[in-house]
Protein backbone atom coordinates (compact mmCIF):
# COMPACT_ATOMS: atom_id res chain seq x y z
CA MET A 1 0.00 0.00 0.00
CA GLY A 2 2.86 2.41 0.83
CA GLU A 3 4.45 1.82 -2.59
CA LYS A 4 1.27 2.95 -4.33
CA LYS A 5 1.26 6.21 -2.36
CA VAL A 6 4.89 6.86 -3.24
CA LEU A 7 4.22 6.10 -6.90
CA ALA A 8 1.19 8.41 -6.87
CA LEU A 9 3.29 11.18 -5.31
CA VAL A 10 6.05 10.70 -7.90
CA MET A 11 3.50 10.85 -10.72
CA LEU A 12 1.98 14.02 -9.25
CA VAL A 13 5.37 15.70 -9.03
CA MET A 14 6.23 14.68 -12.60
CA THR A 15 2.90 15.96 -13.89
CA TYR A 16 3.35 19.25 -12.07
CA GLY A 17 6.86 19.58 -13.51
CA LEU A 18 5.55 19.11 -17.04
CA ALA A 19 2.79 21.62 -16.44
CA VAL A 20 5.29 24.20 -15.25
CA THR A 21 7.81 23.68 -18.05
CA ARG A 22 5.53 23.15 -21.05
CA PHE A 23 2.68 25.13 -22.46
CA SER A 24 0.69 25.23 -25.63
CA SER A 25 0.98 27.82 -28.34
CA CYS A 26 -2.44 29.20 -27.37
CA GLN A 27 -0.92 30.28 -24.05
CA ILE A 28 1.67 32.48 -25.74
CA PRO A 29 0.67 36.16 -25.56
CA PRO A 30 -0.27 37.74 -28.91
CA THR A 31 2.64 40.17 -28.55
CA CYS A 32 4.98 37.19 -29.01
CA ASN A 33 3.99 36.46 -32.60
CA GLY A 34 7.22 35.37 -34.28
CA TYR A 35 9.12 34.80 -31.06
CA GLU A 36 7.57 31.43 -30.18
CA PRO A 37 10.82 29.45 -30.61
CA LEU A 38 12.40 31.39 -27.75
CA LEU A 39 9.46 30.75 -25.46
CA THR A 40 8.65 27.16 -26.34
CA GLN A 41 12.21 25.88 -26.50
CA CYS A 42 13.64 27.81 -23.55
CA VAL A 43 10.82 27.76 -21.03
CA SER A 44 12.49 25.07 -18.87
CA TYR A 45 15.69 27.17 -18.71
CA LEU A 46 13.88 30.45 -18.15
CA VAL A 47 11.79 29.26 -15.18
CA VAL A 48 14.49 27.46 -13.20
CA ARG A 49 15.73 29.22 -10.09
CA GLY A 50 19.46 29.46 -9.58
CA PRO A 51 22.29 28.53 -11.92
CA ALA A 52 21.24 26.77 -15.10
CA THR A 53 22.56 25.99 -18.54
CA PRO A 54 20.33 26.34 -21.61
CA SER A 55 20.01 23.32 -23.87
CA ALA A 56 21.23 23.35 -27.46
CA ARG A 57 17.57 23.36 -28.54
CA CYS A 58 16.93 26.41 -26.37
CA CYS A 59 19.92 28.21 -27.88
CA ASP A 60 18.64 27.40 -31.38
CA GLY A 61 15.23 28.86 -30.53
CA ALA A 62 16.78 31.90 -28.88
CA ARG A 63 19.08 32.48 -31.87
CA GLU A 64 16.13 32.26 -34.27
CA SER A 65 13.99 34.65 -32.21
CA PHE A 66 16.74 37.16 -31.44
CA ALA A 67 17.65 37.29 -35.15
CA LYS A 68 14.15 38.64 -35.84
CA ALA A 69 14.84 41.59 -33.53
CA ASN A 70 16.82 43.35 -36.25
CA ASN A 71 15.29 46.84 -36.23
CA PRO A 72 13.96 49.22 -33.57
CA GLN A 73 10.31 48.14 -33.97
CA ALA A 74 11.19 44.43 -33.87
CA ILE A 75 13.31 45.00 -30.74
CA LYS A 76 10.39 46.83 -29.13
CA ASN A 77 8.10 43.92 -30.08
CA LEU A 78 10.49 41.37 -28.57
CA CYS A 79 10.74 43.39 -25.36
CA SER A 80 6.94 43.63 -25.19
CA CYS A 81 6.72 39.89 -25.67
CA LEU A 82 9.20 39.18 -22.90
CA ASN A 83 7.50 41.63 -20.55
CA ASP A 84 4.09 40.08 -21.26
CA ALA A 85 5.15 36.43 -21.17
CA GLY A 86 7.73 36.60 -18.38
CA PRO A 87 5.46 37.14 -15.38
CA TYR A 88 2.78 34.82 -16.77
CA LEU A 89 5.28 31.99 -17.33
CA LEU A 90 7.29 32.80 -14.18
CA PHE A 91 10.54 33.56 -16.02
CA GLN A 92 13.57 34.28 -13.89
CA ASN A 93 14.82 37.67 -15.09
CA ASP A 94 18.46 36.76 -14.47
CA ASN A 95 18.21 33.67 -16.69
CA LEU A 96 16.55 35.71 -19.42
CA ALA A 97 19.23 38.40 -19.24
CA GLN A 98 22.00 35.78 -19.31
CA LEU A 99 20.53 33.72 -22.17
CA PRO A 100 22.31 35.49 -25.07
CA GLY A 101 25.69 35.13 -23.37
CA ALA A 102 25.02 31.53 -22.35
CA CYS A 103 24.20 30.70 -25.98
CA ASN A 104 26.99 32.84 -27.48
CA ILE A 105 24.49 35.05 -29.29
CA GLN A 106 25.58 38.57 -30.20
CA LEU A 107 22.68 41.00 -29.96
CA SER A 108 22.30 44.36 -31.64
CA PHE A 109 20.56 45.67 -28.50
CA ASP A 110 20.93 45.52 -24.73
CA ILE A 111 18.80 42.64 -23.43
CA ASN A 112 18.94 44.20 -19.95
CA LYS A 113 16.72 47.06 -21.17
CA CYS A 114 14.06 44.49 -22.11
CA VAL A 115 14.42 42.47 -18.95
CA TYR A 116 15.03 45.11 -16.28
CA GLY A 117 13.93 48.27 -18.07
CA ASN A 118 17.21 50.09 -17.47
C-alpha cells in the first residue's frame, strides 16, 4: 500500500513539472507572434531558479527569435513579448538576461533594457 502512495506522489510531481515547463501555443501572448521558438524551446531554462545551462535546442530557438529583432520596432516587439510572457510563465529575469551570453548570441541591442527596463 505504501508503494502505491509513493508512486502516486512521484506521478503528481512529474505531472506538475511538465505543467510548469511546457505550455501550448495558445498560451503564448499575442505580442509574441514570431518569437515562439524562444518561449517554447527555452521555457524550462527560463523558469528554473538558480544557476542553469540552456540546452542546445533552447539556444537554437533563442538564436532564431533574437535574429528577428533586427530593427527598432522588432526589438520593441520582442521586449513587449518578454514583458508580457515573463510574469505569466514565471521567467527568472536573471536567466533571461544571461541567455544570449550563455548561448553565445551577439545582440544588436541591450537585453537588460528588455528584462530590467534600465
